[in-house]
Structures are given as structure tokens and as C-alpha cells.
Amino acid sequence: MSYANRNTLILIGLLLFVIIFSLLNNYKDAKNMDQIKSTLDQNIQQLDFLKTANPDMKDEEIFAQSLAELEQRVKNESKLLARDNNPTLTYSYLLDICENYCPKLKFDFKFINNGQVESSFYNEYSIIGAGPILALYTFIYQLENQFMLYVVESLNLSGLENDTEYPANYVYFTLVVRAYYEENMLDVEDIPFRYLKYRTLSKNPFVPGIHGPIPSEYEMKFVETDACDLIGLTLDKAFLLDRNGKIYVLKPGDKVAYGYLDYIDWDKQVAIFMINKIGVSMKKTMTLRYYED
């Protein structure tokens, strides 16, 4: 056999080997692809079945987001127990609240009792002092909403009567609080301080809402209805004449001393004002002057 023929046979043999090897690999790959496709189809069917059986899980992202938000809300609103508590720690903690949120609150502090509730221990403290009612409200709000578990057990308040030492918006208070702690819990320095949104009371409940007339330079810049006569009306205007001969033209909603023009009753030829001089809004009716004659 010539050298050329021998090389040709070798090349043909190698080519056949490559072809056969490729066919075997392609068959194996095709078989693997069929298995993968079959597994994928089964997984899709199973997922569709789960979605049908559990319609709430159709949108996994929304479900996961809601779960994360709920976990964060629980974390933000949870209370944390310290591993220890004593009068020094508590007094320092109360002073921190006062210095940051209600510096005008002054109090005396003392330990009065201790006890246990299931696996948790507590120390009970008495806080007696005086301060603005709004500062006391802020103090209690911060105390009860921080992470550290303090519970207000009782609160006694009294207004100031004939006491010139403090302003009128001050109150005396006696506050009893419990500080809970438990072994194997957190160190005090590991409990963070929450920065809460500021909240306040709308008014001091110990200051009477009804009072005698209080002179006000600001209010006296406006029309004094008690010193005027109603001399004219239109459907949307009232004309007032004061003792100096000055005429004022008012529309509903316009400011007058201690109040405003509420509305005009054209049929009855009157103007209705809402006036508040003593802490209570009262209706004042002014009739056209010539109707009174």
C-alpha cells in the first residue's frame, strides 16, 4: 500500500470516529435536553397549580414586600428589655429625656418597690414634680414610646391654685413608673434611643376655657361691632357706621374685633356675626338701624 493511500485511510478513519463521537454526543445532549424540558414543564405545571390553589401568591414581589414592611413595623413598635435596672440607670435615663424634649420639667425621684411578673423583674419609682402641662405630656409620651420598657402605673395631676411660684400653665404631678428588666437580655447601651415625631396637646386642661373679656390691642385694630350701627345691606355686603362717622364695608368672612361676619340674612334684613370675647363663640345679630326705629 502506498504512503498516500495509507494516509487517506487514516484520515477516513479519524473522520468516521469524529462523526460517530459527535452523533453520540448529540444524542446524549438531545436526551438531556428532553429531560430538562420535561422537568421544566413539570415545574411550570406545579407552579401554575400552586398559584391556582393559592391566589394570594400570584404576585410574589408584593407578598414579599408586604412581609418586609410588616417585619419592620413590628421591629419599630417593639419594646426591648434590658438585662439590668437600678435607680442610677433610671434617673440618668429620665434626665436624658428631659434634657432633650422637656427641659422645663422639674422633679424629685425615688425608688419605692420591686417585684416580678413571670420571668421579668421590675423596679418601681416615684416621680414628683411640677412643670408645664405640655412638657409633662411630652415626657410621658417619650417614656412610653421609647424602646426601653417603662410602664406608667399611675398619674396624679393638680392645677396651681393661688401659687405665684410657677406660671399659670404649670401643674403639679405625681407619676409612678415601672422599669422592667430580665436576665440574658440586652445591655442598656445596646438599646437605641428612638427619635419620635413631636406631639403635643391642643390646650392646657387646667386653664379655664371660659374667661372674662381680655383686652387685646390686636383685636381692637378691627371694627368693634358694639360701637357701630348697621346702616345698609346688600345680598353680600354689610355697611357699618361707627361713633366717629366712619363707614365700614364688610363681606361674609371678614374679620371684626373678636370675631367675623358670618352671613347676611336678606329676608330679615340682618347681619349675623360670630363673636368670641370670653372663650365661647356667640352669635351677634345686627339689624338695620331704620328697622329698629
Protein backbone atom coordinates (compact mmCIF):
# COMPACT_ATOMS: atom_id res chain seq x y z
CA MET A 1 0.00 0.00 0.00
CA SER A 2 1.36 3.34 -0.98
CA TYR A 3 2.04 6.05 1.56
CA ALA A 4 -0.73 8.27 0.11
CA ASN A 5 -3.35 5.55 0.32
CA ARG A 6 -2.41 4.74 3.88
CA ASN A 7 -2.75 8.38 4.91
CA THR A 8 -6.10 8.56 3.18
CA LEU A 9 -7.40 5.56 5.12
CA ILE A 10 -6.17 7.02 8.38
CA LEU A 11 -7.91 10.31 7.66
CA ILE A 12 -11.11 8.50 6.72
CA GLY A 13 -10.92 6.54 9.97
CA LEU A 14 -10.41 9.67 12.04
CA LEU A 15 -13.28 11.36 10.23
CA LEU A 16 -15.59 8.42 10.90
CA PHE A 17 -14.53 8.46 14.56
CA VAL A 18 -15.29 12.16 14.86
CA ILE A 19 -18.65 11.75 13.16
CA ILE A 20 -19.64 8.80 15.36
CA PHE A 21 -18.44 10.63 18.51
CA SER A 22 -20.40 13.75 17.53
CA LEU A 23 -23.53 11.72 16.85
CA LEU A 24 -23.26 10.01 20.23
CA ASN A 25 -22.76 13.37 22.00
CA ASN A 26 -25.65 14.95 20.10
CA TYR A 27 -27.87 12.02 21.05
CA LYS A 28 -26.83 12.35 24.65
CA ASP A 29 -27.35 16.13 24.58
CA ALA A 30 -30.72 15.71 22.95
CA LYS A 31 -31.71 13.21 25.59
CA ASN A 32 -30.55 15.59 28.35
CA MET A 33 -32.46 18.46 26.72
CA ASP A 34 -35.59 16.33 26.62
CA GLN A 35 -35.17 15.55 30.31
CA ILE A 36 -34.58 19.22 31.15
CA LYS A 37 -37.59 20.28 29.08
CA SER A 38 -39.72 17.63 30.76
CA THR A 39 -38.58 18.81 34.21
CA LEU A 40 -39.26 22.43 33.25
CA ASP A 41 -42.75 21.57 32.03
CA GLN A 42 -43.44 19.72 35.29
CA ASN A 43 -42.19 22.70 37.33
CA ILE A 44 -44.35 25.11 35.33
CA GLN A 45 -47.39 22.89 35.85
CA GLN A 46 -46.65 22.64 39.56
CA LEU A 47 -46.23 26.42 39.84
CA ASP A 48 -49.50 27.01 37.98
CA PHE A 49 -51.21 24.58 40.34
CA LEU A 50 -49.79 26.41 43.39
CA LYS A 51 -50.91 29.78 42.01
CA THR A 52 -54.39 28.42 41.35
CA ALA A 53 -54.60 26.86 44.82
CA ASN A 54 -53.11 29.97 46.47
CA PRO A 55 -54.32 33.07 44.59
CA ASP A 56 -52.68 35.36 47.17
CA MET A 57 -49.25 34.18 45.99
CA LYS A 58 -49.66 35.24 42.37
CA ASP A 59 -47.61 38.35 42.96
CA GLU A 60 -44.65 37.12 44.98
CA GLU A 61 -42.93 40.52 44.96
CA ILE A 62 -45.89 42.29 46.56
CA PHE A 63 -46.22 39.49 49.09
CA ALA A 64 -42.51 39.68 49.98
CA GLN A 65 -42.65 43.50 50.21
CA SER A 66 -45.68 43.40 52.50
CA LEU A 67 -43.96 40.84 54.70
CA ALA A 68 -40.82 43.01 54.91
CA GLU A 69 -42.90 46.08 55.81
CA LEU A 70 -44.73 44.13 58.50
CA GLU A 71 -41.45 42.88 59.97
CA GLN A 72 -40.09 46.45 60.01
CA ARG A 73 -43.26 47.73 61.67
CA VAL A 74 -43.04 45.06 64.37
CA LYS A 75 -39.40 45.98 64.92
CA ASN A 76 -40.19 49.70 65.18
CA GLU A 77 -43.07 49.19 67.59
CA SER A 78 -41.48 46.52 69.76
CA LYS A 79 -40.26 47.02 73.30
CA LEU A 80 -36.82 45.87 74.41
CA LEU A 81 -35.84 44.55 77.84
CA ALA A 82 -32.56 45.44 79.48
CA ARG A 83 -30.62 42.84 81.43
CA ASP A 84 -30.45 45.11 84.47
CA ASN A 85 -32.07 48.14 86.09
CA ASN A 86 -31.25 50.30 89.09
CA PRO A 87 -32.10 53.81 90.35
CA THR A 88 -28.92 55.31 88.88
CA LEU A 89 -29.64 53.99 85.38
CA THR A 90 -33.27 55.05 85.51
CA TYR A 91 -32.55 58.55 86.86
CA SER A 92 -29.96 59.10 84.12
CA TYR A 93 -32.42 57.86 81.50
CA LEU A 94 -35.18 60.20 82.73
CA LEU A 95 -32.79 63.16 82.74
CA ASP A 96 -31.82 62.38 79.14
CA ILE A 97 -35.49 62.55 78.11
CA CYS A 98 -36.00 65.83 79.97
CA GLU A 99 -32.87 67.48 78.62
CA ASN A 100 -33.75 66.58 75.03
CA TYR A 101 -37.52 67.09 74.98
CA CYS A 102 -38.88 68.85 78.08
CA PRO A 103 -36.17 70.82 79.93
CA LYS A 104 -38.70 72.86 81.94
CA LEU A 105 -39.90 69.77 83.80
CA LYS A 106 -38.51 69.58 87.36
CA PHE A 107 -38.96 66.55 89.60
CA ASP A 108 -37.81 64.55 92.61
CA PHE A 109 -37.12 60.88 92.09
CA LYS A 110 -37.03 57.88 94.42
CA PHE A 111 -37.16 54.09 94.39
CA ILE A 112 -40.29 52.70 96.07
CA ASN A 113 -40.68 48.99 95.25
CA ASN A 114 -39.63 45.98 93.17
CA GLY A 115 -41.25 42.76 92.01
CA GLN A 116 -41.53 40.09 89.35
CA VAL A 117 -44.02 39.30 86.56
CA GLU A 118 -43.41 35.78 85.20
CA SER A 119 -39.76 35.79 84.05
CA SER A 120 -39.40 39.58 84.10
CA PHE A 121 -38.36 41.70 87.06
CA TYR A 122 -39.25 45.33 87.66
CA ASN A 123 -38.29 48.30 89.81
CA GLU A 124 -40.94 50.85 90.70
CA TYR A 125 -40.15 54.55 91.01
CA SER A 126 -41.99 57.66 92.14
CA ILE A 127 -41.54 60.92 90.21
CA ILE A 128 -42.96 64.03 91.92
CA GLY A 129 -42.61 67.50 90.48
CA ALA A 130 -44.04 70.45 88.62
CA GLY A 131 -43.86 71.74 85.09
CA PRO A 132 -45.85 72.93 82.07
CA ILE A 133 -48.66 70.53 81.23
CA LEU A 134 -47.36 70.27 77.66
CA ALA A 135 -43.88 69.35 78.90
CA LEU A 136 -45.34 66.65 81.15
CA TYR A 137 -47.31 65.25 78.23
CA THR A 138 -44.14 65.13 76.10
CA PHE A 139 -42.24 63.43 78.93
CA ILE A 140 -44.83 60.66 79.32
CA TYR A 141 -45.14 60.23 75.54
CA GLN A 142 -41.38 59.75 75.20
CA LEU A 143 -41.17 57.46 78.23
CA GLU A 144 -43.86 55.10 76.96
CA ASN A 145 -42.82 55.04 73.30
CA GLN A 146 -39.08 54.55 73.55
CA PHE A 147 -37.64 51.04 73.06
CA MET A 148 -36.79 50.67 76.75
CA LEU A 149 -39.73 49.06 78.56
CA TYR A 150 -41.08 51.59 81.08
CA VAL A 151 -44.75 51.48 82.06
CA VAL A 152 -46.72 54.30 83.71
CA GLU A 153 -48.63 52.71 86.58
CA SER A 154 -50.39 55.82 87.90
CA LEU A 155 -50.57 59.56 87.34
CA ASN A 156 -51.99 62.25 89.62
CA LEU A 157 -52.32 65.85 88.46
CA SER A 158 -53.41 69.05 90.14
CA GLY A 159 -53.59 72.60 88.89
CA LEU A 160 -51.92 75.52 90.64
CA GLU A 161 -54.24 77.47 92.92
CA ASN A 162 -53.02 80.86 94.16
CA ASP A 163 -49.43 79.75 93.62
CA THR A 164 -47.21 82.58 92.44
CA GLU A 165 -44.07 80.43 92.23
CA TYR A 166 -44.99 78.96 88.82
CA PRO A 167 -46.77 80.31 85.71
CA ALA A 168 -50.45 79.53 85.15
CA ASN A 169 -49.74 76.74 82.64
CA TYR A 170 -47.82 74.68 85.25
CA VAL A 171 -49.23 71.65 87.07
CA TYR A 172 -48.13 69.52 90.00
CA PHE A 173 -47.79 65.83 89.20
CA THR A 174 -47.05 62.50 90.86
CA LEU A 175 -46.00 59.76 88.48
CA VAL A 176 -45.36 56.09 89.33
CA VAL A 177 -43.47 54.10 86.70
CA ARG A 178 -42.13 50.57 86.43
CA ALA A 179 -38.85 49.72 84.71
CA TYR A 180 -38.83 46.10 83.51
CA TYR A 181 -35.70 44.01 83.01
CA GLU A 182 -34.75 40.37 82.53
CA GLU A 183 -31.62 38.30 82.73
CA ASN A 184 -29.87 37.34 79.49
CA MET A 185 -31.41 40.27 77.64
CA LEU A 186 -29.76 43.38 76.17
CA ASP A 187 -27.24 45.68 77.79
CA VAL A 188 -28.66 49.16 78.33
CA GLU A 189 -26.09 50.72 75.99
CA ASP A 190 -27.24 48.35 73.21
CA ILE A 191 -30.83 49.64 73.31
CA PRO A 192 -31.10 52.54 70.83
CA PHE A 193 -32.88 55.81 71.50
CA ARG A 194 -35.82 56.43 69.17
CA TYR A 195 -36.30 59.83 67.56
CA LEU A 196 -40.06 60.18 67.75
CA LYS A 197 -42.22 62.66 65.93
CA TYR A 198 -43.13 65.62 68.10
CA ARG A 199 -46.62 65.56 69.55
CA THR A 200 -48.35 67.98 71.84
CA LEU A 201 -51.67 68.81 73.47
CA SER A 202 -54.02 71.28 71.86
CA LYS A 203 -54.65 73.10 75.17
CA ASN A 204 -53.98 73.04 78.88
CA PRO A 205 -56.97 71.29 80.53
CA PHE A 206 -56.29 73.16 83.80
CA VAL A 207 -56.70 76.60 82.21
CA PRO A 208 -60.41 77.57 82.07
CA GLY A 209 -61.74 77.84 78.56
CA ILE A 210 -64.30 80.46 79.60
CA HIS A 211 -62.95 83.72 80.99
CA GLY A 212 -63.76 87.38 81.33
CA PRO A 213 -63.17 89.77 78.43
CA ILE A 214 -59.44 90.12 77.81
CA PRO A 215 -58.32 93.44 76.24
CA SER A 216 -56.34 92.89 73.06
CA GLU A 217 -54.55 95.56 71.07
CA TYR A 218 -54.60 93.29 68.04
CA GLU A 219 -58.39 92.78 68.15
CA MET A 220 -59.05 96.50 68.62
CA LYS A 221 -57.48 97.17 65.22
CA PHE A 222 -60.68 95.80 63.68
CA VAL A 223 -64.25 97.03 63.65
CA GLU A 224 -65.85 96.99 67.13
CA THR A 225 -69.42 95.86 66.46
CA ASP A 226 -70.61 97.09 69.88
CA ALA A 227 -69.67 100.64 68.86
CA CYS A 228 -71.30 100.53 65.40
CA ASP A 229 -74.71 100.63 63.78
CA LEU A 230 -75.79 98.64 60.74
CA ILE A 231 -76.84 101.28 58.20
CA GLY A 232 -77.04 99.29 54.97
CA LEU A 233 -77.23 95.83 53.44
CA THR A 234 -76.89 94.14 50.08
CA LEU A 235 -77.01 90.45 49.33
CA ASP A 236 -73.27 90.15 50.00
CA LYS A 237 -72.25 93.29 51.91
CA ALA A 238 -72.95 94.93 55.27
CA PHE A 239 -72.35 98.65 55.93
CA LEU A 240 -71.44 99.66 59.50
CA LEU A 241 -71.16 103.20 60.89
CA ASP A 242 -69.03 103.83 64.00
CA ARG A 243 -69.34 106.68 66.51
CA ASN A 244 -66.74 108.73 64.64
CA GLY A 245 -68.77 108.65 61.46
CA LYS A 246 -66.54 106.15 59.66
CA ILE A 247 -68.25 103.61 57.42
CA TYR A 248 -67.02 100.02 57.11
CA VAL A 249 -67.99 97.69 54.25
CA LEU A 250 -67.86 94.01 55.24
CA LYS A 251 -68.39 90.76 53.36
CA PRO A 252 -69.19 87.37 54.96
CA GLY A 253 -65.96 86.02 56.46
CA ASP A 254 -64.40 89.45 57.04
CA LYS A 255 -62.66 89.95 60.40
CA VAL A 256 -64.11 92.21 63.11
CA ALA A 257 -62.95 92.69 66.70
CA TYR A 258 -63.04 89.26 68.45
CA GLY A 259 -64.84 87.59 65.56
CA TYR A 260 -66.08 87.81 61.98
CA LEU A 261 -69.16 88.47 59.84
CA ASP A 262 -70.83 85.05 59.48
CA TYR A 263 -73.62 85.70 56.96
CA ILE A 264 -76.30 88.16 55.79
CA ASP A 265 -80.00 87.31 56.08
CA TRP A 266 -81.54 89.44 53.36
CA ASP A 267 -85.12 88.41 54.09
CA LYS A 268 -84.84 89.51 57.74
CA GLN A 269 -82.55 92.43 56.90
CA VAL A 270 -79.95 91.44 59.50
CA ALA A 271 -76.23 90.69 59.62
CA ILE A 272 -75.05 87.78 61.78
CA PHE A 273 -71.63 87.95 63.45
CA MET A 274 -69.75 85.28 65.46
CA ILE A 275 -68.02 86.95 68.41
CA ASN A 276 -65.72 85.32 70.99
CA LYS A 277 -64.66 87.61 73.85
CA ILE A 278 -64.84 85.16 76.76
CA GLY A 279 -63.70 81.84 75.30
CA VAL A 280 -67.12 80.93 73.82
CA SER A 281 -68.29 81.89 70.33
CA MET A 282 -71.62 83.68 70.49
CA LYS A 283 -73.97 84.82 67.74
CA LYS A 284 -74.48 88.57 67.50
CA THR A 285 -77.33 89.85 65.30
CA MET A 286 -77.28 93.39 63.98
CA THR A 287 -80.48 94.83 62.49
CA LEU A 288 -80.67 97.72 60.07
CA ARG A 289 -80.98 100.91 62.08
CA TYR A 290 -84.12 102.19 60.40
CA TYR A 291 -85.80 98.82 61.05
CA GLU A 292 -85.16 99.33 64.77
CA ASP A 293 -86.80 102.77 64.72
